[in-house]
Amino acid sequence: MTEYGYFLSCEENTPKDLVEQARMAEDAGFTSLWISDHFHPWCEAQGQSPFVWSVIGALARATSLPVQTAVTCPTLRMHPVITAQAAATSAALLGEGRFRLGVGSGEALNEHVLGDRWPPAAVRLEMLEEAVHVMRRLFEGGRVDHRGRHYTVENARLYTLPGEPVPVDVSAFGPAALELAGRIGDGLVAIKPEKQAVDGFRSHGGAGKPVFGGVKVCWGRDREAAIDLAHRRWAVEQLPGELNQVLPTPAHFEQAAQLVPRETVARNVTCGDDVDAHVATLREFADAGFDRVHVSQIGPDQRGFFDFYRAKVLPRLVS
């Protein structure tokens, strides 16, 4: 049976707000947490971007729910050795089986901030594969020396480790990434309820591995106002092709988002307080074969969202 979690949006919320939302999510009946990992928000209207690893430390004390990053890029802004240390410490803090590291090939928006060249997609996937290899060796606990095409590691060892190696789940959006995810990932991370993608992952080595999804909604009693809010903060999610991977700053995303009509957001993002619409949105993921789905509320009315899902949506989904 598909499980339902909450997606903490670092782009929209302060660290303290994220911790409080995690508490509310657990109280409302959600069974897990996703948390985004970015250096920048996608646009100024979102307004936040705390360091995810500090927030995860606070989550370890605030809730008993499992946590997964969605997703971390371990290739440029953070070297895989440092990412592995952060993930291992988070897993040790949260406790056995409560942390999964979701990884992806990243976006220029977040990863070019140190001045490194932003490589093409094929090279980014090469880097991701090598980074995962390095991290997995570190999670085993021994000394690691590595000289690869993209990374050098000398005399590295993680002394603080969880009881079991950290699971590494791979985000994928196209055929090449799905092949990589099936081959090297402990699970798949995706944000669209596409059965074809799930089947592709499983046919490339992902059979029997979990599939995790996430989706944004904007609950509110006034549907038109909710659409306006979703359009203002998350029109960027409707951009086509590789724009999300190659645009370098929030200002560029704001320029591109001007090309996204309000009607596109209204059509693609569940807004308002229609219970059937919210249930149908999450059931799309279940029908596509997802094992766990995380839903994120756009905007500040988190209490209203959690009350709505506790009373009206989650009972329909888990019955």
C-alpha atoms as a PDB file:
ATOM      1  CA  MET A   1       0.000   0.000   0.000  1.00  0.00           C
ATOM      2  CA  THR A   2       1.265   3.476  -0.882  1.00  0.00           C
ATOM      3  CA  GLU A   3       2.344   5.603   2.091  1.00  0.00           C
ATOM      4  CA  TYR A   4       1.930   9.367   2.324  1.00  0.00           C
ATOM      5  CA  GLY A   5       4.492  11.833   3.645  1.00  0.00           C
ATOM      6  CA  TYR A   6       5.015  15.577   3.797  1.00  0.00           C
ATOM      7  CA  PHE A   7       7.429  17.521   1.587  1.00  0.00           C
ATOM      8  CA  LEU A   8       9.225  20.296   3.505  1.00  0.00           C
ATOM      9  CA  SER A   9      10.012  23.194   1.170  1.00  0.00           C
ATOM     10  CA  CYS A  10      13.272  24.890   2.146  1.00  0.00           C
ATOM     11  CA  GLU A  11      12.675  27.406  -0.647  1.00  0.00           C
ATOM     12  CA  GLU A  12       9.659  28.901   1.134  1.00  0.00           C
ATOM     13  CA  ASN A  13      10.277  28.442   4.848  1.00  0.00           C
ATOM     14  CA  THR A  14      12.640  29.406   7.637  1.00  0.00           C
ATOM     15  CA  PRO A  15      14.431  26.639   9.558  1.00  0.00           C
ATOM     16  CA  LYS A  16      12.133  27.074  12.573  1.00  0.00           C
ATOM     17  CA  ASP A  17       9.045  26.933  10.374  1.00  0.00           C
ATOM     18  CA  LEU A  18      10.282  23.730   8.727  1.00  0.00           C
ATOM     19  CA  VAL A  19      10.728  22.063  12.104  1.00  0.00           C
ATOM     20  CA  GLU A  20       7.259  23.138  13.216  1.00  0.00           C
ATOM     21  CA  GLN A  21       5.746  21.863   9.945  1.00  0.00           C
ATOM     22  CA  ALA A  22       7.417  18.503  10.534  1.00  0.00           C
ATOM     23  CA  ARG A  23       5.748  18.292  13.941  1.00  0.00           C
ATOM     24  CA  MET A  24       2.392  19.201  12.408  1.00  0.00           C
ATOM     25  CA  ALA A  25       2.883  16.625   9.661  1.00  0.00           C
ATOM     26  CA  GLU A  26       3.435  13.860  12.184  1.00  0.00           C
ATOM     27  CA  ASP A  27       0.413  14.962  14.215  1.00  0.00           C
ATOM     28  CA  ALA A  28      -1.708  14.996  11.031  1.00  0.00           C
ATOM     29  CA  GLY A  29      -0.873  11.395  10.197  1.00  0.00           C
ATOM     30  CA  PHE A  30       1.835  11.731   7.552  1.00  0.00           C
ATOM     31  CA  THR A  31       4.361   8.924   7.878  1.00  0.00           C
ATOM     32  CA  SER A  32       7.588  10.401   6.441  1.00  0.00           C
ATOM     33  CA  LEU A  33       9.321  13.627   5.424  1.00  0.00           C
ATOM     34  CA  TRP A  34      10.984  14.879   2.272  1.00  0.00           C
ATOM     35  CA  ILE A  35      13.148  17.987   2.444  1.00  0.00           C
ATOM     36  CA  SER A  36      14.590  19.975  -0.458  1.00  0.00           C
ATOM     37  CA  ASP A  37      18.309  20.788  -0.625  1.00  0.00           C
ATOM     38  CA  HIS A  38      19.191  23.967  -2.516  1.00  0.00           C
ATOM     39  CA  PHE A  39      21.521  26.936  -2.169  1.00  0.00           C
ATOM     40  CA  HIS A  40      19.031  29.380  -3.732  1.00  0.00           C
ATOM     41  CA  PRO A  41      15.248  29.509  -3.946  1.00  0.00           C
ATOM     42  CA  TRP A  42      13.904  29.299  -7.475  1.00  0.00           C
ATOM     43  CA  CYS A  43      12.525  32.860  -7.345  1.00  0.00           C
ATOM     44  CA  GLU A  44      12.425  35.829  -4.980  1.00  0.00           C
ATOM     45  CA  ALA A  45       8.770  35.188  -4.084  1.00  0.00           C
ATOM     46  CA  GLN A  46       9.788  31.958  -2.360  1.00  0.00           C
ATOM     47  CA  GLY A  47      12.294  33.841  -0.261  1.00  0.00           C
ATOM     48  CA  GLN A  48      14.247  31.235   1.772  1.00  0.00           C
ATOM     49  CA  SER A  49      16.949  28.579   1.439  1.00  0.00           C
ATOM     50  CA  PRO A  50      18.422  27.327   4.740  1.00  0.00           C
ATOM     51  CA  PHE A  51      21.253  24.790   4.932  1.00  0.00           C
ATOM     52  CA  VAL A  52      19.423  21.483   4.846  1.00  0.00           C
ATOM     53  CA  TRP A  53      21.861  19.535   7.030  1.00  0.00           C
ATOM     54  CA  SER A  54      21.331  21.875   9.977  1.00  0.00           C
ATOM     55  CA  VAL A  55      17.569  21.524   9.593  1.00  0.00           C
ATOM     56  CA  ILE A  56      17.832  17.714   9.500  1.00  0.00           C
ATOM     57  CA  GLY A  57      19.670  17.811  12.803  1.00  0.00           C
ATOM     58  CA  ALA A  58      16.736  19.703  14.305  1.00  0.00           C
ATOM     59  CA  LEU A  59      14.229  17.312  12.717  1.00  0.00           C
ATOM     60  CA  ALA A  60      15.967  14.417  14.450  1.00  0.00           C
ATOM     61  CA  ARG A  61      14.920  15.891  17.794  1.00  0.00           C
ATOM     62  CA  ALA A  62      11.520  17.225  16.751  1.00  0.00           C
ATOM     63  CA  THR A  63       9.827  14.174  15.203  1.00  0.00           C
ATOM     64  CA  SER A  64      10.058  10.407  14.918  1.00  0.00           C
ATOM     65  CA  LEU A  65       9.420  10.400  11.158  1.00  0.00           C
ATOM     66  CA  PRO A  66      11.945   9.138   8.582  1.00  0.00           C
ATOM     67  CA  VAL A  67      13.606  11.831   6.452  1.00  0.00           C
ATOM     68  CA  GLN A  68      14.829  11.833   2.853  1.00  0.00           C
ATOM     69  CA  THR A  69      16.589  14.637   0.970  1.00  0.00           C
ATOM     70  CA  ALA A  70      14.826  15.459  -2.287  1.00  0.00           C
ATOM     71  CA  VAL A  71      17.326  15.882  -3.611  1.00  0.00           C
ATOM     72  CA  THR A  72      20.978  16.515  -2.803  1.00  0.00           C
ATOM     73  CA  CYS A  73      23.524  17.129  -5.564  1.00  0.00           C
ATOM     74  CA  PRO A  74      26.826  15.584  -4.369  1.00  0.00           C
ATOM     75  CA  THR A  75      28.970  16.665  -7.319  1.00  0.00           C
ATOM     76  CA  LEU A  76      29.981  20.358  -7.368  1.00  0.00           C
ATOM     77  CA  ARG A  77      28.827  22.610  -4.547  1.00  0.00           C
ATOM     78  CA  MET A  78      29.480  19.792  -2.079  1.00  0.00           C
ATOM     79  CA  HIS A  79      32.158  17.190  -2.743  1.00  0.00           C
ATOM     80  CA  PRO A  80      30.922  13.601  -2.359  1.00  0.00           C
ATOM     81  CA  VAL A  81      33.216  13.095   0.642  1.00  0.00           C
ATOM     82  CA  ILE A  82      31.550  15.960   2.515  1.00  0.00           C
ATOM     83  CA  THR A  83      28.097  14.900   1.380  1.00  0.00           C
ATOM     84  CA  ALA A  84      28.788  11.391   2.677  1.00  0.00           C
ATOM     85  CA  GLN A  85      29.841  12.767   6.064  1.00  0.00           C
ATOM     86  CA  ALA A  86      26.718  14.935   6.270  1.00  0.00           C
ATOM     87  CA  ALA A  87      24.482  12.005   5.305  1.00  0.00           C
ATOM     88  CA  ALA A  88      26.152   9.583   7.721  1.00  0.00           C
ATOM     89  CA  THR A  89      25.832  12.040  10.614  1.00  0.00           C
ATOM     90  CA  SER A  90      22.186  12.692   9.758  1.00  0.00           C
ATOM     91  CA  ALA A  91      21.492   8.945   9.690  1.00  0.00           C
ATOM     92  CA  ALA A  92      23.250   8.485  13.042  1.00  0.00           C
ATOM     93  CA  LEU A  93      21.201  11.316  14.577  1.00  0.00           C
ATOM     94  CA  LEU A  94      17.854  10.164  13.213  1.00  0.00           C
ATOM     95  CA  GLY A  95      18.347   6.527  14.182  1.00  0.00           C
ATOM     96  CA  GLU A  96      18.180   3.193  12.429  1.00  0.00           C
ATOM     97  CA  GLY A  97      16.333   3.231   9.131  1.00  0.00           C
ATOM     98  CA  ARG A  98      15.145   6.846   9.396  1.00  0.00           C
ATOM     99  CA  PHE A  99      17.339   8.565   6.805  1.00  0.00           C
ATOM    100  CA  ARG A 100      17.656   8.106   3.058  1.00  0.00           C
ATOM    101  CA  LEU A 101      19.889  10.220   0.851  1.00  0.00           C
ATOM    102  CA  GLY A 102      18.114  11.294  -2.319  1.00  0.00           C
ATOM    103  CA  VAL A 103      20.605  12.450  -4.958  1.00  0.00           C
ATOM    104  CA  GLY A 104      20.432  14.030  -8.381  1.00  0.00           C
ATOM    105  CA  SER A 105      22.614  15.660 -11.021  1.00  0.00           C
ATOM    106  CA  GLY A 106      21.683  19.152  -9.848  1.00  0.00           C
ATOM    107  CA  GLU A 107      20.848  22.532 -11.327  1.00  0.00           C
ATOM    108  CA  ALA A 108      23.088  25.405 -12.307  1.00  0.00           C
ATOM    109  CA  LEU A 109      20.986  27.594  -9.998  1.00  0.00           C
ATOM    110  CA  ASN A 110      22.550  25.933  -6.959  1.00  0.00           C
ATOM    111  CA  GLU A 111      25.709  24.201  -8.113  1.00  0.00           C
ATOM    112  CA  HIS A 112      27.584  26.897 -10.055  1.00  0.00           C
ATOM    113  CA  VAL A 113      27.942  29.226  -7.066  1.00  0.00           C
ATOM    114  CA  LEU A 114      31.611  28.313  -6.495  1.00  0.00           C
ATOM    115  CA  GLY A 115      32.454  29.358 -10.041  1.00  0.00           C
ATOM    116  CA  ASP A 116      32.823  25.857 -11.459  1.00  0.00           C
ATOM    117  CA  ARG A 117      31.882  25.200 -15.068  1.00  0.00           C
ATOM    118  CA  TRP A 118      28.355  23.815 -15.375  1.00  0.00           C
ATOM    119  CA  PRO A 119      28.794  20.625 -17.437  1.00  0.00           C
ATOM    120  CA  PRO A 120      26.346  19.126 -19.940  1.00  0.00           C
ATOM    121  CA  ALA A 121      23.817  16.529 -18.819  1.00  0.00           C
ATOM    122  CA  ALA A 122      25.821  13.458 -19.847  1.00  0.00           C
ATOM    123  CA  VAL A 123      28.843  14.629 -17.859  1.00  0.00           C
ATOM    124  CA  ARG A 124      26.662  15.462 -14.858  1.00  0.00           C
ATOM    125  CA  LEU A 125      25.379  11.885 -14.832  1.00  0.00           C
ATOM    126  CA  GLU A 126      28.968  10.580 -15.027  1.00  0.00           C
ATOM    127  CA  MET A 127      29.858  12.775 -12.053  1.00  0.00           C
ATOM    128  CA  LEU A 128      26.817  11.576 -10.122  1.00  0.00           C
ATOM    129  CA  GLU A 129      27.691   7.928 -10.694  1.00  0.00           C
ATOM    130  CA  GLU A 130      31.260   8.442  -9.518  1.00  0.00           C
ATOM    131  CA  ALA A 131      30.084  10.466  -6.516  1.00  0.00           C
ATOM    132  CA  VAL A 132      27.694   7.697  -5.450  1.00  0.00           C
ATOM    133  CA  HIS A 133      30.506   5.163  -5.779  1.00  0.00           C
ATOM    134  CA  VAL A 134      32.742   7.248  -3.516  1.00  0.00           C
ATOM    135  CA  MET A 135      30.001   7.768  -0.928  1.00  0.00           C
ATOM    136  CA  ARG A 136      29.110   4.090  -0.812  1.00  0.00           C
ATOM    137  CA  ARG A 137      32.723   3.172  -0.113  1.00  0.00           C
ATOM    138  CA  LEU A 138      32.819   5.721   2.698  1.00  0.00           C
ATOM    139  CA  PHE A 139      29.586   4.374   4.192  1.00  0.00           C
ATOM    140  CA  GLU A 140      31.331   1.006   4.562  1.00  0.00           C
ATOM    141  CA  GLY A 141      33.590   2.542   7.190  1.00  0.00           C
ATOM    142  CA  GLY A 142      37.098   1.874   5.901  1.00  0.00           C
ATOM    143  CA  ARG A 143      39.760   4.234   4.600  1.00  0.00           C
ATOM    144  CA  VAL A 144      39.059   5.386   1.060  1.00  0.00           C
ATOM    145  CA  ASP A 145      41.552   6.411  -1.607  1.00  0.00           C
ATOM    146  CA  HIS A 146      40.106   7.166  -5.013  1.00  0.00           C
ATOM    147  CA  ARG A 147      41.389   8.687  -8.219  1.00  0.00           C
ATOM    148  CA  GLY A 148      38.669   8.886 -10.801  1.00  0.00           C
ATOM    149  CA  ARG A 149      37.757  10.996 -13.779  1.00  0.00           C
ATOM    150  CA  HIS A 150      36.060  13.657 -11.671  1.00  0.00           C
ATOM    151  CA  TYR A 151      37.112  13.170  -8.034  1.00  0.00           C
ATOM    152  CA  THR A 152      40.213  12.509  -5.990  1.00  0.00           C
ATOM    153  CA  VAL A 153      39.972  11.210  -2.432  1.00  0.00           C
ATOM    154  CA  GLU A 154      42.971  10.681  -0.154  1.00  0.00           C
ATOM    155  CA  ASN A 155      43.008   8.940   3.224  1.00  0.00           C
ATOM    156  CA  ALA A 156      39.314   9.604   3.886  1.00  0.00           C
ATOM    157  CA  ARG A 157      37.388   7.703   6.539  1.00  0.00           C
ATOM    158  CA  LEU A 158      34.056   8.368   8.200  1.00  0.00           C
ATOM    159  CA  TYR A 159      34.292   7.708  11.913  1.00  0.00           C
ATOM    160  CA  THR A 160      30.648   8.537  12.716  1.00  0.00           C
ATOM    161  CA  LEU A 161      28.393   6.080  10.941  1.00  0.00           C
ATOM    162  CA  PRO A 162      24.896   4.624  11.372  1.00  0.00           C
ATOM    163  CA  GLY A 163      24.466   0.909  11.973  1.00  0.00           C
ATOM    164  CA  GLU A 164      23.786   0.263   8.275  1.00  0.00           C
ATOM    165  CA  PRO A 165      25.036   2.073   5.145  1.00  0.00           C
ATOM    166  CA  VAL A 166      22.890   5.046   4.133  1.00  0.00           C
ATOM    167  CA  PRO A 167      20.474   4.142   1.289  1.00  0.00           C
ATOM    168  CA  VAL A 168      21.082   6.287  -1.792  1.00  0.00           C
ATOM    169  CA  ASP A 169      18.043   6.961  -3.986  1.00  0.00           C
ATOM    170  CA  VAL A 170      18.542   8.546  -7.396  1.00  0.00           C
ATOM    171  CA  SER A 171      16.376  11.211  -9.017  1.00  0.00           C
ATOM    172  CA  ALA A 172      15.655  10.659 -12.694  1.00  0.00           C
ATOM    173  CA  PHE A 173      13.712  12.509 -15.390  1.00  0.00           C
ATOM    174  CA  GLY A 174      14.794  10.948 -18.685  1.00  0.00           C
ATOM    175  CA  PRO A 175      15.885   7.606 -20.172  1.00  0.00           C
ATOM    176  CA  ALA A 176      19.611   7.989 -19.386  1.00  0.00           C
ATOM    177  CA  ALA A 177      18.945   9.037 -15.816  1.00  0.00           C
ATOM    178  CA  LEU A 178      16.402   6.226 -15.340  1.00  0.00           C
ATOM    179  CA  GLU A 179      18.957   3.693 -16.533  1.00  0.00           C
ATOM    180  CA  LEU A 180      21.482   5.087 -14.064  1.00  0.00           C
ATOM    181  CA  ALA A 181      18.952   5.143 -11.229  1.00  0.00           C
ATOM    182  CA  GLY A 182      17.974   1.526 -11.837  1.00  0.00           C
ATOM    183  CA  ARG A 183      21.602   0.434 -12.004  1.00  0.00           C
ATOM    184  CA  ILE A 184      23.105   2.292  -9.014  1.00  0.00           C
ATOM    185  CA  GLY A 185      20.193   3.520  -6.910  1.00  0.00           C
ATOM    186  CA  ASP A 186      18.634   1.913  -3.858  1.00  0.00           C
ATOM    187  CA  GLY A 187      15.413   3.601  -4.981  1.00  0.00           C
ATOM    188  CA  LEU A 188      13.966   6.116  -7.434  1.00  0.00           C
ATOM    189  CA  VAL A 189      12.975   9.722  -6.727  1.00  0.00           C
ATOM    190  CA  ALA A 190      10.504  11.415  -9.113  1.00  0.00           C
ATOM    191  CA  ILE A 191       8.040  14.295  -9.118  1.00  0.00           C
ATOM    192  CA  LYS A 192       5.633  13.169 -11.831  1.00  0.00           C
ATOM    193  CA  PRO A 193       3.224  10.222 -11.592  1.00  0.00           C
ATOM    194  CA  GLU A 194       4.501   8.565 -14.748  1.00  0.00           C
ATOM    195  CA  LYS A 195       4.109   4.793 -14.828  1.00  0.00           C
ATOM    196  CA  GLN A 196       6.416   4.637 -17.835  1.00  0.00           C
ATOM    197  CA  ALA A 197       9.236   6.123 -15.735  1.00  0.00           C
ATOM    198  CA  VAL A 198       8.600   3.670 -12.900  1.00  0.00           C
ATOM    199  CA  ASP A 199       8.585   0.767 -15.353  1.00  0.00           C
ATOM    200  CA  GLY A 200      11.781   2.062 -16.975  1.00  0.00           C
ATOM    201  CA  PHE A 201      13.511   2.257 -13.608  1.00  0.00           C
ATOM    202  CA  ARG A 202      12.439  -1.261 -12.687  1.00  0.00           C
ATOM    203  CA  SER A 203      13.455  -2.697 -16.051  1.00  0.00           C
ATOM    204  CA  HIS A 204      16.996  -1.324 -15.647  1.00  0.00           C
ATOM    205  CA  GLY A 205      17.766  -2.971 -12.335  1.00  0.00           C
ATOM    206  CA  GLY A 206      15.231  -1.266 -10.093  1.00  0.00           C
ATOM    207  CA  ALA A 207      12.914  -4.251  -9.666  1.00  0.00           C
ATOM    208  CA  GLY A 208      12.011  -4.632  -6.004  1.00  0.00           C
ATOM    209  CA  LYS A 209      13.430  -1.207  -5.104  1.00  0.00           C
ATOM    210  CA  PRO A 210      11.177   1.542  -3.671  1.00  0.00           C
ATOM    211  CA  VAL A 211       9.896   4.477  -5.706  1.00  0.00           C
ATOM    212  CA  PHE A 212       9.403   7.827  -3.948  1.00  0.00           C
ATOM    213  CA  GLY A 213       7.391  10.744  -5.306  1.00  0.00           C
ATOM    214  CA  GLY A 214       6.572  14.311  -4.435  1.00  0.00           C
ATOM    215  CA  VAL A 215       3.951  16.834  -5.494  1.00  0.00           C
ATOM    216  CA  LYS A 216       2.975  20.395  -4.609  1.00  0.00           C
ATOM    217  CA  VAL A 217      -0.567  21.548  -3.907  1.00  0.00           C
ATOM    218  CA  CYS A 218      -2.059  24.814  -2.706  1.00  0.00           C
ATOM    219  CA  TRP A 219      -4.887  24.222  -0.279  1.00  0.00           C
ATOM    220  CA  GLY A 220      -7.155  27.179   0.401  1.00  0.00           C
ATOM    221  CA  ARG A 221     -10.854  27.932   0.719  1.00  0.00           C
ATOM    222  CA  ASP A 222     -10.609  30.454  -2.146  1.00  0.00           C
ATOM    223  CA  ARG A 223      -9.421  28.451  -5.160  1.00  0.00           C
ATOM    224  CA  GLU A 224      -8.713  31.530  -7.285  1.00  0.00           C
ATOM    225  CA  ALA A 225      -6.494  33.026  -4.588  1.00  0.00           C
ATOM    226  CA  ALA A 226      -4.720  29.668  -4.221  1.00  0.00           C
ATOM    227  CA  ILE A 227      -4.032  29.580  -7.961  1.00  0.00           C
ATOM    228  CA  ASP A 228      -2.623  33.113  -7.794  1.00  0.00           C
ATOM    229  CA  LEU A 229      -0.307  32.091  -4.955  1.00  0.00           C
ATOM    230  CA  ALA A 230       0.827  28.916  -6.719  1.00  0.00           C
ATOM    231  CA  HIS A 231       1.464  30.873  -9.900  1.00  0.00           C
ATOM    232  CA  ARG A 232       3.466  33.555  -8.087  1.00  0.00           C
ATOM    233  CA  ARG A 233       5.692  31.115  -6.195  1.00  0.00           C
ATOM    234  CA  TRP A 234       5.875  27.986  -8.357  1.00  0.00           C
ATOM    235  CA  ALA A 235       5.228  28.879 -12.005  1.00  0.00           C
ATOM    236  CA  VAL A 236       8.900  27.924 -12.408  1.00  0.00           C
ATOM    237  CA  GLU A 237       7.945  24.250 -12.007  1.00  0.00           C
ATOM    238  CA  GLN A 238       6.010  24.429 -15.273  1.00  0.00           C
ATOM    239  CA  LEU A 239       9.020  25.457 -17.367  1.00  0.00           C
ATOM    240  CA  PRO A 240       9.715  22.998 -20.210  1.00  0.00           C
ATOM    241  CA  GLY A 241      12.760  20.953 -21.093  1.00  0.00           C
ATOM    242  CA  GLU A 242      16.114  21.571 -19.429  1.00  0.00           C
ATOM    243  CA  LEU A 243      15.487  25.147 -18.323  1.00  0.00           C
ATOM    244  CA  ASN A 244      15.316  24.113 -14.657  1.00  0.00           C
ATOM    245  CA  GLN A 245      18.781  22.588 -14.975  1.00  0.00           C
ATOM    246  CA  VAL A 246      20.566  25.366 -16.865  1.00  0.00           C
ATOM    247  CA  LEU A 247      19.231  28.766 -15.740  1.00  0.00           C
ATOM    248  CA  PRO A 248      21.779  30.214 -13.285  1.00  0.00           C
ATOM    249  CA  THR A 249      19.932  32.643 -10.970  1.00  0.00           C
ATOM    250  CA  PRO A 250      16.509  33.274  -9.399  1.00  0.00           C
ATOM    251  CA  ALA A 251      16.265  36.386 -11.586  1.00  0.00           C
ATOM    252  CA  HIS A 252      16.562  34.260 -14.727  1.00  0.00           C
ATOM    253  CA  PHE A 253      13.845  31.934 -13.437  1.00  0.00           C
ATOM    254  CA  GLU A 254      11.579  34.907 -12.780  1.00  0.00           C
ATOM    255  CA  GLN A 255      12.105  36.079 -16.351  1.00  0.00           C
ATOM    256  CA  ALA A 256      11.301  32.639 -17.736  1.00  0.00           C
ATOM    257  CA  ALA A 257       8.291  32.205 -15.435  1.00  0.00           C
ATOM    258  CA  GLN A 258       6.649  35.222 -17.088  1.00  0.00           C
ATOM    259  CA  LEU A 259       6.060  32.902 -20.043  1.00  0.00           C
ATOM    260  CA  VAL A 260       4.012  30.470 -17.910  1.00  0.00           C
ATOM    261  CA  PRO A 261       0.307  31.381 -18.101  1.00  0.00           C
ATOM    262  CA  ARG A 262      -1.782  31.324 -14.941  1.00  0.00           C
ATOM    263  CA  GLU A 263      -4.010  28.784 -16.677  1.00  0.00           C
ATOM    264  CA  THR A 264      -1.103  26.351 -16.917  1.00  0.00           C
ATOM    265  CA  VAL A 265      -0.652  26.415 -13.150  1.00  0.00           C
ATOM    266  CA  ALA A 266      -4.414  26.096 -12.620  1.00  0.00           C
ATOM    267  CA  ARG A 267      -4.437  23.025 -14.851  1.00  0.00           C
ATOM    268  CA  ASN A 268      -1.352  21.318 -13.400  1.00  0.00           C
ATOM    269  CA  VAL A 269      -1.376  22.215  -9.689  1.00  0.00           C
ATOM    270  CA  THR A 270      -4.187  21.108  -7.383  1.00  0.00           C
ATOM    271  CA  CYS A 271      -5.517  24.287  -5.777  1.00  0.00           C
ATOM    272  CA  GLY A 272      -8.457  24.953  -3.461  1.00  0.00           C
ATOM    273  CA  ASP A 273     -10.352  22.764  -1.013  1.00  0.00           C
ATOM    274  CA  ASP A 274     -11.973  20.130  -3.236  1.00  0.00           C
ATOM    275  CA  VAL A 275     -11.295  16.888  -1.367  1.00  0.00           C
ATOM    276  CA  ASP A 276     -11.801  14.751  -4.470  1.00  0.00           C
ATOM    277  CA  ALA A 277      -9.196  16.767  -6.386  1.00  0.00           C
ATOM    278  CA  HIS A 278      -6.556  16.361  -3.674  1.00  0.00           C
ATOM    279  CA  VAL A 279      -7.267  12.648  -3.310  1.00  0.00           C
ATOM    280  CA  ALA A 280      -7.115  12.138  -7.077  1.00  0.00           C
ATOM    281  CA  THR A 281      -3.764  13.940  -7.312  1.00  0.00           C
ATOM    282  CA  LEU A 282      -2.128  11.612  -4.807  1.00  0.00           C
ATOM    283  CA  ARG A 283      -3.827   8.494  -6.168  1.00  0.00           C
ATOM    284  CA  GLU A 284      -2.215   9.177  -9.541  1.00  0.00           C
ATOM    285  CA  PHE A 285       1.118   8.383  -7.914  1.00  0.00           C
ATOM    286  CA  ALA A 286      -0.231   5.253  -6.256  1.00  0.00           C
ATOM    287  CA  ASP A 287      -1.690   4.065  -9.563  1.00  0.00           C
ATOM    288  CA  ALA A 288       1.668   4.662 -11.273  1.00  0.00           C
ATOM    289  CA  GLY A 289       3.394   2.327  -8.815  1.00  0.00           C
ATOM    290  CA  PHE A 290       4.899   4.722  -6.264  1.00  0.00           C
ATOM    291  CA  ASP A 291       5.571   3.303  -2.821  1.00  0.00           C
ATOM    292  CA  ARG A 292       5.608   6.629  -0.998  1.00  0.00           C
ATOM    293  CA  VAL A 293       4.291  10.069  -1.996  1.00  0.00           C
ATOM    294  CA  HIS A 294       5.147  13.364  -0.307  1.00  0.00           C
ATOM    295  CA  VAL A 295       2.829  16.350  -0.652  1.00  0.00           C
ATOM    296  CA  SER A 296       3.894  19.960  -0.083  1.00  0.00           C
ATOM    297  CA  GLN A 297       1.613  22.870   0.736  1.00  0.00           C
ATOM    298  CA  ILE A 298       2.448  26.038  -1.161  1.00  0.00           C
ATOM    299  CA  GLY A 299       2.303  29.178   0.939  1.00  0.00           C
ATOM    300  CA  PRO A 300       1.956  30.129   4.594  1.00  0.00           C
ATOM    301  CA  ASP A 301      -1.361  28.477   5.533  1.00  0.00           C
ATOM    302  CA  GLN A 302       0.210  25.295   6.813  1.00  0.00           C
ATOM    303  CA  ARG A 303      -2.179  24.813   9.742  1.00  0.00           C
ATOM    304  CA  GLY A 304      -5.223  24.900   7.475  1.00  0.00           C
ATOM    305  CA  PHE A 305      -3.575  22.432   5.099  1.00  0.00           C
ATOM    306  CA  PHE A 306      -2.708  19.948   7.858  1.00  0.00           C
ATOM    307  CA  ASP A 307      -6.184  20.157   9.386  1.00  0.00           C
ATOM    308  CA  PHE A 308      -7.707  19.553   5.949  1.00  0.00           C
ATOM    309  CA  TYR A 309      -5.511  16.550   5.182  1.00  0.00           C
ATOM    310  CA  ARG A 310      -5.896  15.061   8.667  1.00  0.00           C
ATOM    311  CA  ALA A 311      -9.691  15.228   8.576  1.00  0.00           C
ATOM    312  CA  LYS A 312     -10.573  14.774   4.913  1.00  0.00           C
ATOM    313  CA  VAL A 313      -7.775  13.599   2.604  1.00  0.00           C
ATOM    314  CA  LEU A 314      -5.593  11.066   4.425  1.00  0.00           C
ATOM    315  CA  PRO A 315      -8.570   9.010   5.682  1.00  0.00           C
ATOM    316  CA  ARG A 316      -9.678   8.562   2.058  1.00  0.00           C
ATOM    317  CA  LEU A 317      -6.200   7.541   0.920  1.00  0.00           C
ATOM    318  CA  VAL A 318      -5.409   4.972   3.587  1.00  0.00           C
ATOM    319  CA  SER A 319      -8.844   3.400   3.879  1.00  0.00           C
END
